[in-house]
């Protein structure tokens, strides 16, 4: 069984158990990020980049998020159908394929679809997947899980340097 096939089997199991939120670290560890991207991977990577723009991030990080989201869609036919139908709607709402448009034109079409189930699901699940990538953690200043390192109390609980010192009333 190939790594990609094992990843998809794992994602199917994950979707069936409903463990998506707590199992995200395992999902990322299990994902095969070196497989050739599919059209769906490319679309979802571009969509994540449009929804969660961070100019300092390499496009490969969005590609990784797109692959993981596509893997979740492969494991859940309902999710896959929702994403494919949403992609078709984005393509139909303008001149030519959504991927061939400028970032501004992509944004305009997405803004018009904010109230659709497609947008809500992709923004929610996509954000969960995207912001659980360790490469994104560094960008937003998250140090990662700390339980195995003794917790946050001993690891920067009070190292906030951007707030003024509190006034002590006597």
C-alpha atoms as a PDB file:
ATOM      1  CA  UNK A   1       0.000   0.000   0.000  1.00  0.00           C
ATOM      2  CA  UNK A   2       1.448   3.394  -0.973  1.00  0.00           C
ATOM      3  CA  UNK A   3       1.819   6.257   1.467  1.00  0.00           C
ATOM      4  CA  UNK A   4      -0.955   8.172  -0.325  1.00  0.00           C
ATOM      5  CA  UNK A   5      -3.295   5.171  -0.121  1.00  0.00           C
ATOM      6  CA  UNK A   6      -2.493   4.739   3.583  1.00  0.00           C
ATOM      7  CA  UNK A   7      -3.125   8.458   4.141  1.00  0.00           C
ATOM      8  CA  UNK A   8      -6.502   8.248   2.419  1.00  0.00           C
ATOM      9  CA  UNK A   9      -7.446   5.150   4.410  1.00  0.00           C
ATOM     10  CA  UNK A  10      -6.492   6.989   7.579  1.00  0.00           C
ATOM     11  CA  UNK A  11      -8.549  10.008   6.566  1.00  0.00           C
ATOM     12  CA  UNK A  12     -11.570   7.796   5.851  1.00  0.00           C
ATOM     13  CA  UNK A  13     -11.191   6.258   9.294  1.00  0.00           C
ATOM     14  CA  UNK A  14     -10.753   9.686  10.839  1.00  0.00           C
ATOM     15  CA  UNK A  15     -13.916  11.015   9.190  1.00  0.00           C
ATOM     16  CA  UNK A  16     -15.871   7.945  10.312  1.00  0.00           C
ATOM     17  CA  UNK A  17     -14.785   8.341  13.933  1.00  0.00           C
ATOM     18  CA  UNK A  18     -15.432  12.085  14.111  1.00  0.00           C
ATOM     19  CA  UNK A  19     -12.001  12.731  15.615  1.00  0.00           C
ATOM     20  CA  UNK A  20     -11.044  15.511  13.223  1.00  0.00           C
ATOM     21  CA  UNK A  21     -10.276  18.232  15.762  1.00  0.00           C
ATOM     22  CA  UNK A  22      -8.178  16.265  18.297  1.00  0.00           C
ATOM     23  CA  UNK A  23      -6.560  14.181  15.578  1.00  0.00           C
ATOM     24  CA  UNK A  24      -5.221  17.056  13.468  1.00  0.00           C
ATOM     25  CA  UNK A  25      -1.593  16.566  14.562  1.00  0.00           C
ATOM     26  CA  UNK A  26      -1.814  12.895  13.589  1.00  0.00           C
ATOM     27  CA  UNK A  27      -3.445  13.886  10.301  1.00  0.00           C
ATOM     28  CA  UNK A  28      -0.542  16.170   9.452  1.00  0.00           C
ATOM     29  CA  UNK A  29       2.048  13.615  10.505  1.00  0.00           C
ATOM     30  CA  UNK A  30       0.363  10.956   8.413  1.00  0.00           C
ATOM     31  CA  UNK A  31      -0.098  13.111   5.298  1.00  0.00           C
ATOM     32  CA  UNK A  32       2.229  12.413   2.386  1.00  0.00           C
ATOM     33  CA  UNK A  33       3.270  15.914   1.349  1.00  0.00           C
ATOM     34  CA  UNK A  34       5.483  14.719  -1.502  1.00  0.00           C
ATOM     35  CA  UNK A  35       2.737  13.191  -3.636  1.00  0.00           C
ATOM     36  CA  UNK A  36       1.988  14.867  -6.960  1.00  0.00           C
ATOM     37  CA  UNK A  37      -0.737  17.467  -6.409  1.00  0.00           C
ATOM     38  CA  UNK A  38      -4.116  16.893  -7.997  1.00  0.00           C
ATOM     39  CA  UNK A  39      -6.292  19.602  -9.552  1.00  0.00           C
ATOM     40  CA  UNK A  40      -8.335  19.632  -6.343  1.00  0.00           C
ATOM     41  CA  UNK A  41      -5.149  20.097  -4.272  1.00  0.00           C
ATOM     42  CA  UNK A  42      -4.153  23.081  -6.434  1.00  0.00           C
ATOM     43  CA  UNK A  43      -7.628  24.630  -6.225  1.00  0.00           C
ATOM     44  CA  UNK A  44      -7.792  24.213  -2.448  1.00  0.00           C
ATOM     45  CA  UNK A  45      -4.275  25.608  -1.985  1.00  0.00           C
ATOM     46  CA  UNK A  46      -5.259  28.715  -3.990  1.00  0.00           C
ATOM     47  CA  UNK A  47      -8.486  28.982  -2.009  1.00  0.00           C
ATOM     48  CA  UNK A  48      -6.623  28.758   1.316  1.00  0.00           C
ATOM     49  CA  UNK A  49      -4.191  31.411   0.122  1.00  0.00           C
ATOM     50  CA  UNK A  50      -7.118  33.664  -0.773  1.00  0.00           C
ATOM     51  CA  UNK A  51      -8.934  33.051   2.511  1.00  0.00           C
ATOM     52  CA  UNK A  52      -5.905  33.229   4.807  1.00  0.00           C
ATOM     53  CA  UNK A  53      -3.376  35.527   3.121  1.00  0.00           C
ATOM     54  CA  UNK A  54       0.045  35.709   4.745  1.00  0.00           C
ATOM     55  CA  UNK A  55       2.568  37.189   2.273  1.00  0.00           C
ATOM     56  CA  UNK A  56       5.477  35.900   4.352  1.00  0.00           C
ATOM     57  CA  UNK A  57       4.421  32.279   3.837  1.00  0.00           C
ATOM     58  CA  UNK A  58       5.770  30.166   1.026  1.00  0.00           C
ATOM     59  CA  UNK A  59       3.209  28.811  -1.448  1.00  0.00           C
ATOM     60  CA  UNK A  60       4.267  25.282  -0.455  1.00  0.00           C
ATOM     61  CA  UNK A  61       2.619  25.772   2.942  1.00  0.00           C
ATOM     62  CA  UNK A  62      -0.688  26.525   1.225  1.00  0.00           C
ATOM     63  CA  UNK A  63      -0.058  23.492  -0.987  1.00  0.00           C
ATOM     64  CA  UNK A  64       0.360  21.310   2.078  1.00  0.00           C
ATOM     65  CA  UNK A  65      -2.904  22.643   3.525  1.00  0.00           C
ATOM     66  CA  UNK A  66      -4.643  22.075   0.182  1.00  0.00           C
ATOM     67  CA  UNK A  67      -3.447  18.464   0.072  1.00  0.00           C
ATOM     68  CA  UNK A  68      -4.671  17.784   3.587  1.00  0.00           C
ATOM     69  CA  UNK A  69      -8.057  19.378   2.881  1.00  0.00           C
ATOM     70  CA  UNK A  70      -8.330  17.400  -0.374  1.00  0.00           C
ATOM     71  CA  UNK A  71      -7.505  14.235   1.565  1.00  0.00           C
ATOM     72  CA  UNK A  72     -10.336  14.997   3.986  1.00  0.00           C
ATOM     73  CA  UNK A  73     -12.642  15.498   0.990  1.00  0.00           C
ATOM     74  CA  UNK A  74     -11.533  12.145  -0.441  1.00  0.00           C
ATOM     75  CA  UNK A  75     -12.487  10.517   2.852  1.00  0.00           C
ATOM     76  CA  UNK A  76     -15.942  12.126   2.946  1.00  0.00           C
ATOM     77  CA  UNK A  77     -18.044  11.999  -0.246  1.00  0.00           C
ATOM     78  CA  UNK A  78     -20.395  14.676   1.104  1.00  0.00           C
ATOM     79  CA  UNK A  79     -17.534  17.086   1.707  1.00  0.00           C
ATOM     80  CA  UNK A  80     -16.029  16.297  -1.675  1.00  0.00           C
ATOM     81  CA  UNK A  81     -19.366  16.936  -3.400  1.00  0.00           C
ATOM     82  CA  UNK A  82     -19.758  20.246  -1.569  1.00  0.00           C
ATOM     83  CA  UNK A  83     -16.251  21.362  -2.554  1.00  0.00           C
ATOM     84  CA  UNK A  84     -16.577  20.286  -6.191  1.00  0.00           C
ATOM     85  CA  UNK A  85     -19.977  22.004  -6.493  1.00  0.00           C
ATOM     86  CA  UNK A  86     -18.562  25.152  -4.860  1.00  0.00           C
ATOM     87  CA  UNK A  87     -15.598  25.122  -7.227  1.00  0.00           C
ATOM     88  CA  UNK A  88     -17.962  24.840 -10.201  1.00  0.00           C
ATOM     89  CA  UNK A  89     -20.018  27.752  -8.844  1.00  0.00           C
ATOM     90  CA  UNK A  90     -16.877  29.889  -8.506  1.00  0.00           C
ATOM     91  CA  UNK A  91     -15.906  29.032 -12.093  1.00  0.00           C
ATOM     92  CA  UNK A  92     -19.422  29.866 -13.326  1.00  0.00           C
ATOM     93  CA  UNK A  93     -19.510  33.220 -11.519  1.00  0.00           C
ATOM     94  CA  UNK A  94     -17.291  35.117 -13.914  1.00  0.00           C
ATOM     95  CA  UNK A  95     -15.193  34.909 -17.014  1.00  0.00           C
ATOM     96  CA  UNK A  96     -13.327  31.630 -17.181  1.00  0.00           C
ATOM     97  CA  UNK A  97     -11.984  29.364 -14.449  1.00  0.00           C
ATOM     98  CA  UNK A  98     -11.629  30.849 -10.981  1.00  0.00           C
ATOM     99  CA  UNK A  99      -7.966  29.764 -10.831  1.00  0.00           C
ATOM    100  CA  UNK A 100      -7.135  31.778 -13.981  1.00  0.00           C
ATOM    101  CA  UNK A 101      -8.401  35.065 -12.518  1.00  0.00           C
ATOM    102  CA  UNK A 102      -6.467  37.774 -10.728  1.00  0.00           C
ATOM    103  CA  UNK A 103      -6.433  37.745  -6.920  1.00  0.00           C
ATOM    104  CA  UNK A 104      -8.841  40.697  -6.891  1.00  0.00           C
ATOM    105  CA  UNK A 105     -11.310  38.930  -9.179  1.00  0.00           C
ATOM    106  CA  UNK A 106     -11.037  35.766  -7.081  1.00  0.00           C
ATOM    107  CA  UNK A 107     -11.766  37.759  -3.951  1.00  0.00           C
ATOM    108  CA  UNK A 108     -14.834  39.413  -5.477  1.00  0.00           C
ATOM    109  CA  UNK A 109     -16.339  36.037  -6.386  1.00  0.00           C
ATOM    110  CA  UNK A 110     -15.546  34.645  -2.923  1.00  0.00           C
ATOM    111  CA  UNK A 111     -17.112  37.657  -1.222  1.00  0.00           C
ATOM    112  CA  UNK A 112     -20.312  36.991  -3.165  1.00  0.00           C
ATOM    113  CA  UNK A 113     -20.341  33.397  -1.852  1.00  0.00           C
ATOM    114  CA  UNK A 114     -19.792  34.133   1.847  1.00  0.00           C
ATOM    115  CA  UNK A 115     -23.267  32.922   2.838  1.00  0.00           C
ATOM    116  CA  UNK A 116     -23.033  29.607   0.969  1.00  0.00           C
ATOM    117  CA  UNK A 117     -22.477  26.286   2.767  1.00  0.00           C
ATOM    118  CA  UNK A 118     -19.411  25.745   0.543  1.00  0.00           C
ATOM    119  CA  UNK A 119     -17.734  28.912   1.790  1.00  0.00           C
ATOM    120  CA  UNK A 120     -18.651  28.321   5.430  1.00  0.00           C
ATOM    121  CA  UNK A 121     -17.377  24.737   5.447  1.00  0.00           C
ATOM    122  CA  UNK A 122     -14.169  25.462   3.536  1.00  0.00           C
ATOM    123  CA  UNK A 123     -13.387  28.517   5.658  1.00  0.00           C
ATOM    124  CA  UNK A 124     -14.010  26.604   8.893  1.00  0.00           C
ATOM    125  CA  UNK A 125     -12.319  23.317   8.090  1.00  0.00           C
ATOM    126  CA  UNK A 126      -9.662  24.979   5.930  1.00  0.00           C
ATOM    127  CA  UNK A 127      -8.783  27.414   8.716  1.00  0.00           C
ATOM    128  CA  UNK A 128      -8.567  24.592  11.217  1.00  0.00           C
ATOM    129  CA  UNK A 129      -6.221  22.640   8.952  1.00  0.00           C
ATOM    130  CA  UNK A 130      -4.192  25.654   7.814  1.00  0.00           C
ATOM    131  CA  UNK A 131      -3.571  27.091  11.272  1.00  0.00           C
ATOM    132  CA  UNK A 132      -2.569  23.688  12.623  1.00  0.00           C
ATOM    133  CA  UNK A 133       0.467  23.596  10.298  1.00  0.00           C
ATOM    134  CA  UNK A 134       3.707  24.125  12.263  1.00  0.00           C
ATOM    135  CA  UNK A 135       5.017  26.452   9.513  1.00  0.00           C
ATOM    136  CA  UNK A 136       2.084  28.768  10.200  1.00  0.00           C
ATOM    137  CA  UNK A 137       2.598  28.613  13.966  1.00  0.00           C
ATOM    138  CA  UNK A 138       5.934  30.393  13.661  1.00  0.00           C
ATOM    139  CA  UNK A 139       4.339  33.150  11.607  1.00  0.00           C
ATOM    140  CA  UNK A 140       1.603  33.870  14.150  1.00  0.00           C
ATOM    141  CA  UNK A 141       3.860  33.456  17.190  1.00  0.00           C
ATOM    142  CA  UNK A 142       2.410  30.177  18.494  1.00  0.00           C
ATOM    143  CA  UNK A 143       5.085  28.016  20.095  1.00  0.00           C
ATOM    144  CA  UNK A 144       3.156  24.792  19.636  1.00  0.00           C
ATOM    145  CA  UNK A 145       1.719  22.396  22.178  1.00  0.00           C
ATOM    146  CA  UNK A 146       3.362  22.703  25.561  1.00  0.00           C
ATOM    147  CA  UNK A 147       1.948  19.849  27.610  1.00  0.00           C
ATOM    148  CA  UNK A 148       4.932  17.613  26.944  1.00  0.00           C
ATOM    149  CA  UNK A 149       7.247  20.561  27.736  1.00  0.00           C
ATOM    150  CA  UNK A 150       5.781  21.321  31.154  1.00  0.00           C
ATOM    151  CA  UNK A 151       2.916  23.607  30.166  1.00  0.00           C
ATOM    152  CA  UNK A 152       2.752  27.321  29.465  1.00  0.00           C
ATOM    153  CA  UNK A 153       3.259  28.458  33.051  1.00  0.00           C
ATOM    154  CA  UNK A 154       6.980  27.754  32.774  1.00  0.00           C
ATOM    155  CA  UNK A 155       7.172  28.564  29.036  1.00  0.00           C
ATOM    156  CA  UNK A 156       6.226  32.172  28.488  1.00  0.00           C
ATOM    157  CA  UNK A 157       2.943  32.520  30.342  1.00  0.00           C
ATOM    158  CA  UNK A 158       3.822  36.080  31.299  1.00  0.00           C
ATOM    159  CA  UNK A 159       6.304  37.126  28.621  1.00  0.00           C
ATOM    160  CA  UNK A 160       3.925  39.491  26.862  1.00  0.00           C
ATOM    161  CA  UNK A 161       5.986  42.548  26.021  1.00  0.00           C
ATOM    162  CA  UNK A 162       3.456  44.496  23.992  1.00  0.00           C
ATOM    163  CA  UNK A 163       1.106  45.422  26.844  1.00  0.00           C
ATOM    164  CA  UNK A 164       1.795  48.221  29.315  1.00  0.00           C
ATOM    165  CA  UNK A 165       2.717  47.238  32.852  1.00  0.00           C
ATOM    166  CA  UNK A 166      -0.368  47.107  35.083  1.00  0.00           C
ATOM    167  CA  UNK A 167      -0.874  49.842  37.636  1.00  0.00           C
ATOM    168  CA  UNK A 168      -0.802  48.616  41.189  1.00  0.00           C
ATOM    169  CA  UNK A 169      -3.275  50.412  43.407  1.00  0.00           C
ATOM    170  CA  UNK A 170      -2.168  50.745  47.011  1.00  0.00           C
END
